[in-house]
N, C-alpha and C. Protein backbone atom coordinates (compact mmCIF):
# COMPACT_ATOMS: atom_id res chain seq x y z
N MET A 1 32.27 5.98 8.21
CA MET A 1 31.86 5.30 6.98
C MET A 1 31.00 6.26 6.15
N PRO A 2 31.29 6.41 4.86
CA PRO A 2 30.51 7.33 4.04
C PRO A 2 29.08 6.84 3.83
N ARG A 3 28.18 7.77 3.77
CA ARG A 3 26.77 7.45 3.56
C ARG A 3 26.41 7.79 2.12
N VAL A 4 25.69 6.90 1.46
CA VAL A 4 25.30 7.12 0.07
C VAL A 4 23.89 7.69 0.05
N LYS A 5 23.76 8.80 -0.62
CA LYS A 5 22.46 9.43 -0.79
C LYS A 5 22.12 9.39 -2.27
N GLY A 6 20.92 9.03 -2.58
CA GLY A 6 20.53 8.89 -3.97
C GLY A 6 19.42 9.82 -4.38
N LYS A 7 19.28 9.94 -5.68
CA LYS A 7 18.19 10.72 -6.26
C LYS A 7 17.89 10.10 -7.61
N ILE A 8 16.62 9.96 -7.94
CA ILE A 8 16.27 9.45 -9.25
C ILE A 8 15.36 10.44 -9.96
N GLU A 9 15.44 10.40 -11.27
CA GLU A 9 14.52 11.17 -12.12
C GLU A 9 13.87 10.18 -13.08
N ILE A 10 12.57 10.34 -13.27
CA ILE A 10 11.83 9.47 -14.17
C ILE A 10 11.22 10.33 -15.26
N ASP A 11 11.50 9.99 -16.51
CA ASP A 11 10.94 10.71 -17.65
C ASP A 11 9.46 10.34 -17.75
N GLN A 12 8.61 11.24 -17.30
CA GLN A 12 7.17 10.97 -17.22
C GLN A 12 6.54 10.67 -18.58
N GLU A 13 7.04 11.27 -19.64
CA GLU A 13 6.46 11.06 -20.96
C GLU A 13 6.86 9.72 -21.57
N ARG A 14 8.03 9.20 -21.22
CA ARG A 14 8.47 7.92 -21.77
C ARG A 14 7.94 6.74 -20.96
N CYS A 15 7.57 6.97 -19.71
CA CYS A 15 7.11 5.90 -18.83
C CYS A 15 5.73 5.41 -19.25
N LYS A 16 5.59 4.09 -19.35
CA LYS A 16 4.29 3.51 -19.71
C LYS A 16 3.56 2.93 -18.51
N GLY A 17 4.09 3.17 -17.31
CA GLY A 17 3.40 2.76 -16.10
C GLY A 17 3.37 1.26 -15.87
N CYS A 18 4.43 0.55 -16.25
CA CYS A 18 4.43 -0.91 -16.09
C CYS A 18 4.59 -1.33 -14.63
N GLY A 19 5.20 -0.46 -13.81
CA GLY A 19 5.35 -0.75 -12.39
C GLY A 19 6.53 -1.62 -12.01
N LEU A 20 7.36 -2.01 -12.96
CA LEU A 20 8.51 -2.86 -12.64
C LEU A 20 9.47 -2.17 -11.68
N CYS A 21 9.70 -0.88 -11.88
CA CYS A 21 10.61 -0.14 -10.99
C CYS A 21 10.06 -0.08 -9.57
N ILE A 22 8.75 0.05 -9.46
CA ILE A 22 8.10 0.10 -8.14
C ILE A 22 8.30 -1.23 -7.41
N SER A 23 8.18 -2.32 -8.15
CA SER A 23 8.27 -3.64 -7.53
C SER A 23 9.68 -3.99 -7.06
N VAL A 24 10.71 -3.43 -7.68
CA VAL A 24 12.08 -3.80 -7.29
C VAL A 24 12.74 -2.81 -6.33
N CYS A 25 12.13 -1.68 -6.06
CA CYS A 25 12.75 -0.68 -5.20
C CYS A 25 12.74 -1.16 -3.74
N PRO A 26 13.93 -1.41 -3.18
CA PRO A 26 13.98 -1.93 -1.81
C PRO A 26 13.56 -0.91 -0.76
N MET A 27 13.63 0.37 -1.09
CA MET A 27 13.29 1.43 -0.13
C MET A 27 11.89 1.99 -0.35
N LYS A 28 11.16 1.47 -1.33
CA LYS A 28 9.79 1.91 -1.63
C LYS A 28 9.73 3.42 -1.91
N VAL A 29 10.66 3.88 -2.74
CA VAL A 29 10.76 5.31 -3.08
C VAL A 29 9.76 5.68 -4.17
N ILE A 30 9.44 4.74 -5.06
CA ILE A 30 8.67 5.03 -6.27
C ILE A 30 7.21 4.60 -6.12
N THR A 31 6.31 5.44 -6.64
CA THR A 31 4.89 5.13 -6.66
C THR A 31 4.34 5.50 -8.03
N PHE A 32 3.09 5.13 -8.28
CA PHE A 32 2.43 5.57 -9.51
C PHE A 32 1.94 7.01 -9.32
N SER A 33 2.06 7.79 -10.37
CA SER A 33 1.57 9.16 -10.35
C SER A 33 0.04 9.15 -10.33
N GLU A 34 -0.53 10.17 -9.71
CA GLU A 34 -2.00 10.30 -9.72
C GLU A 34 -2.49 10.76 -11.08
N GLY A 35 -1.63 11.52 -11.77
CA GLY A 35 -2.01 12.07 -13.07
C GLY A 35 -1.61 11.15 -14.22
N PHE A 36 -1.92 11.61 -15.41
CA PHE A 36 -1.63 10.87 -16.63
C PHE A 36 -0.57 11.60 -17.44
N ASN A 37 0.18 10.86 -18.25
CA ASN A 37 1.06 11.52 -19.21
C ASN A 37 0.29 11.68 -20.52
N SER A 38 0.93 12.21 -21.55
CA SER A 38 0.21 12.50 -22.80
C SER A 38 -0.25 11.25 -23.53
N LYS A 39 0.30 10.09 -23.17
CA LYS A 39 -0.11 8.83 -23.79
C LYS A 39 -1.23 8.14 -23.01
N GLY A 40 -1.63 8.71 -21.89
CA GLY A 40 -2.71 8.16 -21.11
C GLY A 40 -2.30 7.17 -20.04
N TYR A 41 -1.01 7.10 -19.75
CA TYR A 41 -0.52 6.19 -18.70
C TYR A 41 -0.35 6.93 -17.38
N HIS A 42 -0.47 6.18 -16.29
CA HIS A 42 -0.08 6.69 -14.97
C HIS A 42 1.40 6.38 -14.83
N PRO A 43 2.28 7.34 -15.06
CA PRO A 43 3.71 7.04 -14.97
C PRO A 43 4.17 6.86 -13.52
N ALA A 44 5.30 6.22 -13.37
CA ALA A 44 5.92 6.10 -12.05
C ALA A 44 6.54 7.44 -11.70
N GLU A 45 6.61 7.72 -10.39
CA GLU A 45 7.26 8.95 -9.95
C GLU A 45 7.98 8.70 -8.62
N PRO A 46 9.11 9.38 -8.44
CA PRO A 46 9.80 9.26 -7.16
C PRO A 46 9.04 10.07 -6.11
N LYS A 47 8.57 9.42 -5.06
CA LYS A 47 7.79 10.12 -4.06
C LYS A 47 8.56 10.30 -2.75
N TYR A 48 9.24 9.29 -2.31
CA TYR A 48 9.96 9.35 -1.04
C TYR A 48 11.45 9.45 -1.31
N VAL A 49 11.85 10.52 -1.98
CA VAL A 49 13.23 10.67 -2.46
C VAL A 49 14.27 10.68 -1.34
N GLU A 50 13.89 11.08 -0.16
CA GLU A 50 14.84 11.12 0.96
C GLU A 50 15.29 9.71 1.37
N LYS A 51 14.54 8.68 0.96
CA LYS A 51 14.88 7.31 1.31
C LYS A 51 15.75 6.63 0.24
N CYS A 52 15.96 7.26 -0.90
CA CYS A 52 16.69 6.65 -2.01
C CYS A 52 18.15 6.40 -1.65
N ILE A 53 18.62 5.18 -1.95
CA ILE A 53 20.01 4.82 -1.69
C ILE A 53 20.81 4.64 -2.98
N ALA A 54 20.25 5.01 -4.11
CA ALA A 54 20.91 4.94 -5.41
C ALA A 54 21.40 3.54 -5.75
N CYS A 55 20.61 2.53 -5.45
CA CYS A 55 21.02 1.15 -5.71
C CYS A 55 21.00 0.83 -7.21
N GLY A 56 20.15 1.53 -7.97
CA GLY A 56 20.09 1.33 -9.41
C GLY A 56 19.18 0.21 -9.87
N PHE A 57 18.48 -0.44 -8.95
CA PHE A 57 17.58 -1.53 -9.34
C PHE A 57 16.50 -1.03 -10.30
N CYS A 58 15.95 0.14 -10.02
CA CYS A 58 14.90 0.69 -10.88
C CYS A 58 15.42 0.96 -12.29
N TYR A 59 16.62 1.51 -12.36
CA TYR A 59 17.25 1.81 -13.64
C TYR A 59 17.45 0.53 -14.45
N ASN A 60 17.96 -0.51 -13.79
CA ASN A 60 18.21 -1.77 -14.47
C ASN A 60 16.94 -2.49 -14.90
N MET A 61 15.86 -2.29 -14.18
CA MET A 61 14.61 -2.99 -14.47
C MET A 61 13.77 -2.29 -15.54
N CYS A 62 13.92 -0.99 -15.71
CA CYS A 62 13.07 -0.22 -16.61
C CYS A 62 13.28 -0.62 -18.08
N PRO A 63 12.23 -1.18 -18.72
CA PRO A 63 12.38 -1.61 -20.12
C PRO A 63 12.45 -0.43 -21.10
N ASP A 64 12.03 0.74 -20.68
CA ASP A 64 11.99 1.90 -21.57
C ASP A 64 13.08 2.93 -21.28
N VAL A 65 14.01 2.60 -20.41
CA VAL A 65 15.14 3.46 -20.06
C VAL A 65 14.67 4.88 -19.71
N CYS A 66 13.72 4.96 -18.80
CA CYS A 66 13.13 6.24 -18.38
C CYS A 66 13.77 6.81 -17.13
N ILE A 67 14.60 6.04 -16.46
CA ILE A 67 15.07 6.42 -15.13
C ILE A 67 16.56 6.76 -15.15
N THR A 68 16.88 7.87 -14.51
CA THR A 68 18.26 8.27 -14.30
C THR A 68 18.50 8.26 -12.80
N VAL A 69 19.62 7.64 -12.39
CA VAL A 69 19.97 7.54 -10.97
C VAL A 69 21.19 8.40 -10.70
N TYR A 70 21.11 9.22 -9.67
CA TYR A 70 22.23 10.04 -9.24
C TYR A 70 22.68 9.56 -7.86
N ARG A 71 23.98 9.47 -7.66
CA ARG A 71 24.52 8.99 -6.39
C ARG A 71 25.46 10.04 -5.82
N GLU A 72 25.27 10.33 -4.55
CA GLU A 72 26.13 11.29 -3.84
C GLU A 72 26.64 10.60 -2.59
N VAL A 73 27.95 10.63 -2.40
CA VAL A 73 28.56 10.03 -1.22
C VAL A 73 28.87 11.14 -0.23
N GLU A 74 28.29 11.03 0.96
CA GLU A 74 28.51 12.03 1.99
C GLU A 74 29.54 11.51 2.98
N SER A 75 30.51 12.32 3.33
CA SER A 75 31.51 11.91 4.33
C SER A 75 30.90 11.98 5.72
N ALA A 76 31.33 11.08 6.56
CA ALA A 76 30.79 11.02 7.94
C ALA A 76 31.33 12.14 8.78
């Protein structure tokens, strides 16, 4: 059975730190950044990327369209 491996990218400058993506991630991949972006927000960032399954929940939840999801299918 093929295994799905995911990767997400979050546009740190567009993110306003609402946390919606963090709340819907079933694998708890996303956290708030320790730093600030130029607008003064703590943006979300992918921290545990090895756990990402590319489900797309974060992408669908983001009101500012800051998240890009990449999906790679690995053969067994």
